[in-house]
Amino acid sequence: MNIKVRYFASMRDRMGRAEETVTVDREGITVEELWRRVAGGQEMPPNLLIAVNMEYTDASRQLKSGDEVAFFPPVTGG
């Protein structure tokens, strides 16, 4: 199954790319499992914002083929 992954703001700089398509071998992987795959096994940063198909969610969300996952850094205000 294919999942489109997009990175925004400082996450784009950290990952070194704005987006990619990831092919995984099974349905039902979680966002956290996807993160570990795209981040070379690194733990997910605390307070990372996640959206699946433009809807905010958490790292336990299970994914299906064709989903779009977006990672955003925490928002701060001033």
C-alpha atoms as a PDB file:
ATOM      1  CA  MET A   1       0.000   0.000   0.000  1.00  0.00           C
ATOM      2  CA  ASN A   2       1.128   3.558  -0.686  1.00  0.00           C
ATOM      3  CA  ILE A   3       0.931   6.436   1.780  1.00  0.00           C
ATOM      4  CA  LYS A   4       1.792  10.035   0.932  1.00  0.00           C
ATOM      5  CA  VAL A   5       3.767  11.748   3.695  1.00  0.00           C
ATOM      6  CA  ARG A   6       4.168  15.526   3.897  1.00  0.00           C
ATOM      7  CA  TYR A   7       6.419  17.551   6.197  1.00  0.00           C
ATOM      8  CA  PHE A   8       5.802  21.179   7.117  1.00  0.00           C
ATOM      9  CA  ALA A   9       7.937  24.043   8.495  1.00  0.00           C
ATOM     10  CA  SER A  10      10.856  22.834  10.646  1.00  0.00           C
ATOM     11  CA  MET A  11       9.836  19.202  10.086  1.00  0.00           C
ATOM     12  CA  ARG A  12      10.637  19.674   6.400  1.00  0.00           C
ATOM     13  CA  ASP A  13      14.118  20.925   7.351  1.00  0.00           C
ATOM     14  CA  ARG A  14      14.637  18.094   9.828  1.00  0.00           C
ATOM     15  CA  MET A  15      13.628  15.399   7.320  1.00  0.00           C
ATOM     16  CA  GLY A  16      15.380  17.031   4.359  1.00  0.00           C
ATOM     17  CA  ARG A  17      12.333  16.770   2.110  1.00  0.00           C
ATOM     18  CA  ALA A  18       8.851  18.242   1.777  1.00  0.00           C
ATOM     19  CA  GLU A  19       7.027  15.039   0.872  1.00  0.00           C
ATOM     20  CA  GLU A  20       7.428  11.445  -0.179  1.00  0.00           C
ATOM     21  CA  THR A  21       5.376   8.394  -1.015  1.00  0.00           C
ATOM     22  CA  VAL A  22       6.027   5.439   1.246  1.00  0.00           C
ATOM     23  CA  THR A  23       5.184   1.877   0.258  1.00  0.00           C
ATOM     24  CA  VAL A  24       4.392  -0.445   3.156  1.00  0.00           C
ATOM     25  CA  ASP A  25       3.676  -4.148   3.031  1.00  0.00           C
ATOM     26  CA  ARG A  26       0.508  -4.252   5.132  1.00  0.00           C
ATOM     27  CA  GLU A  27      -2.614  -2.265   5.908  1.00  0.00           C
ATOM     28  CA  GLY A  28      -3.224  -1.071   9.424  1.00  0.00           C
ATOM     29  CA  ILE A  29       0.184   0.269  10.375  1.00  0.00           C
ATOM     30  CA  THR A  30      -0.053   3.159  12.778  1.00  0.00           C
ATOM     31  CA  VAL A  31       1.167   6.693  12.254  1.00  0.00           C
ATOM     32  CA  GLU A  32       3.856   6.002  14.858  1.00  0.00           C
ATOM     33  CA  GLU A  33       5.096   2.952  12.907  1.00  0.00           C
ATOM     34  CA  LEU A  34       5.138   5.047   9.745  1.00  0.00           C
ATOM     35  CA  TRP A  35       7.131   7.768  11.535  1.00  0.00           C
ATOM     36  CA  ARG A  36       9.781   5.267  12.649  1.00  0.00           C
ATOM     37  CA  ARG A  37      10.094   4.038   9.085  1.00  0.00           C
ATOM     38  CA  VAL A  38      10.531   7.506   7.533  1.00  0.00           C
ATOM     39  CA  ALA A  39      12.733   8.779  10.401  1.00  0.00           C
ATOM     40  CA  GLY A  40      15.184   5.878  10.409  1.00  0.00           C
ATOM     41  CA  GLY A  41      13.905   4.389  13.669  1.00  0.00           C
ATOM     42  CA  GLN A  42      13.972   7.649  15.641  1.00  0.00           C
ATOM     43  CA  GLU A  43      11.330   8.247  18.265  1.00  0.00           C
ATOM     44  CA  MET A  44       8.564  10.657  17.367  1.00  0.00           C
ATOM     45  CA  PRO A  45       9.232  14.156  18.736  1.00  0.00           C
ATOM     46  CA  PRO A  46       7.029  15.209  21.648  1.00  0.00           C
ATOM     47  CA  ASN A  47       4.094  17.458  20.771  1.00  0.00           C
ATOM     48  CA  LEU A  48       4.346  16.638  17.067  1.00  0.00           C
ATOM     49  CA  LEU A  49       1.107  17.538  15.301  1.00  0.00           C
ATOM     50  CA  ILE A  50      -0.288  14.877  12.973  1.00  0.00           C
ATOM     51  CA  ALA A  51      -3.014  15.028  10.353  1.00  0.00           C
ATOM     52  CA  VAL A  52      -4.357  12.140   8.284  1.00  0.00           C
ATOM     53  CA  ASN A  53      -6.347  13.183   5.240  1.00  0.00           C
ATOM     54  CA  MET A  54      -6.443  16.767   6.576  1.00  0.00           C
ATOM     55  CA  GLU A  55      -7.927  15.719   9.939  1.00  0.00           C
ATOM     56  CA  TYR A  56      -5.884  16.063  13.135  1.00  0.00           C
ATOM     57  CA  THR A  57      -5.277  12.765  14.885  1.00  0.00           C
ATOM     58  CA  ASP A  58      -2.790  11.003  17.148  1.00  0.00           C
ATOM     59  CA  ALA A  59       0.024   8.533  16.542  1.00  0.00           C
ATOM     60  CA  SER A  60      -2.152   5.477  17.224  1.00  0.00           C
ATOM     61  CA  ARG A  61      -4.286   6.046  14.108  1.00  0.00           C
ATOM     62  CA  GLN A  62      -4.214   3.085  11.751  1.00  0.00           C
ATOM     63  CA  LEU A  63      -3.534   3.860   8.111  1.00  0.00           C
ATOM     64  CA  LYS A  64      -4.893   2.497   4.860  1.00  0.00           C
ATOM     65  CA  SER A  65      -3.708   2.676   1.276  1.00  0.00           C
ATOM     66  CA  GLY A  66      -4.014   6.126  -0.242  1.00  0.00           C
ATOM     67  CA  ASP A  67      -3.938   8.029   3.064  1.00  0.00           C
ATOM     68  CA  GLU A  68      -2.054  11.307   3.266  1.00  0.00           C
ATOM     69  CA  VAL A  69      -0.168  11.887   6.513  1.00  0.00           C
ATOM     70  CA  ALA A  70       1.168  15.313   7.443  1.00  0.00           C
ATOM     71  CA  PHE A  71       3.617  16.117  10.242  1.00  0.00           C
ATOM     72  CA  PHE A  72       3.759  19.628  11.714  1.00  0.00           C
ATOM     73  CA  PRO A  73       6.003  21.043  14.454  1.00  0.00           C
ATOM     74  CA  PRO A  74       4.279  22.258  17.599  1.00  0.00           C
ATOM     75  CA  VAL A  75       2.713  25.675  17.165  1.00  0.00           C
ATOM     76  CA  THR A  76       3.955  28.430  19.460  1.00  0.00           C
ATOM     77  CA  GLY A  77       2.614  31.894  19.845  1.00  0.00           C
ATOM     78  CA  GLY A  78       3.920  35.118  21.131  1.00  0.00           C
END
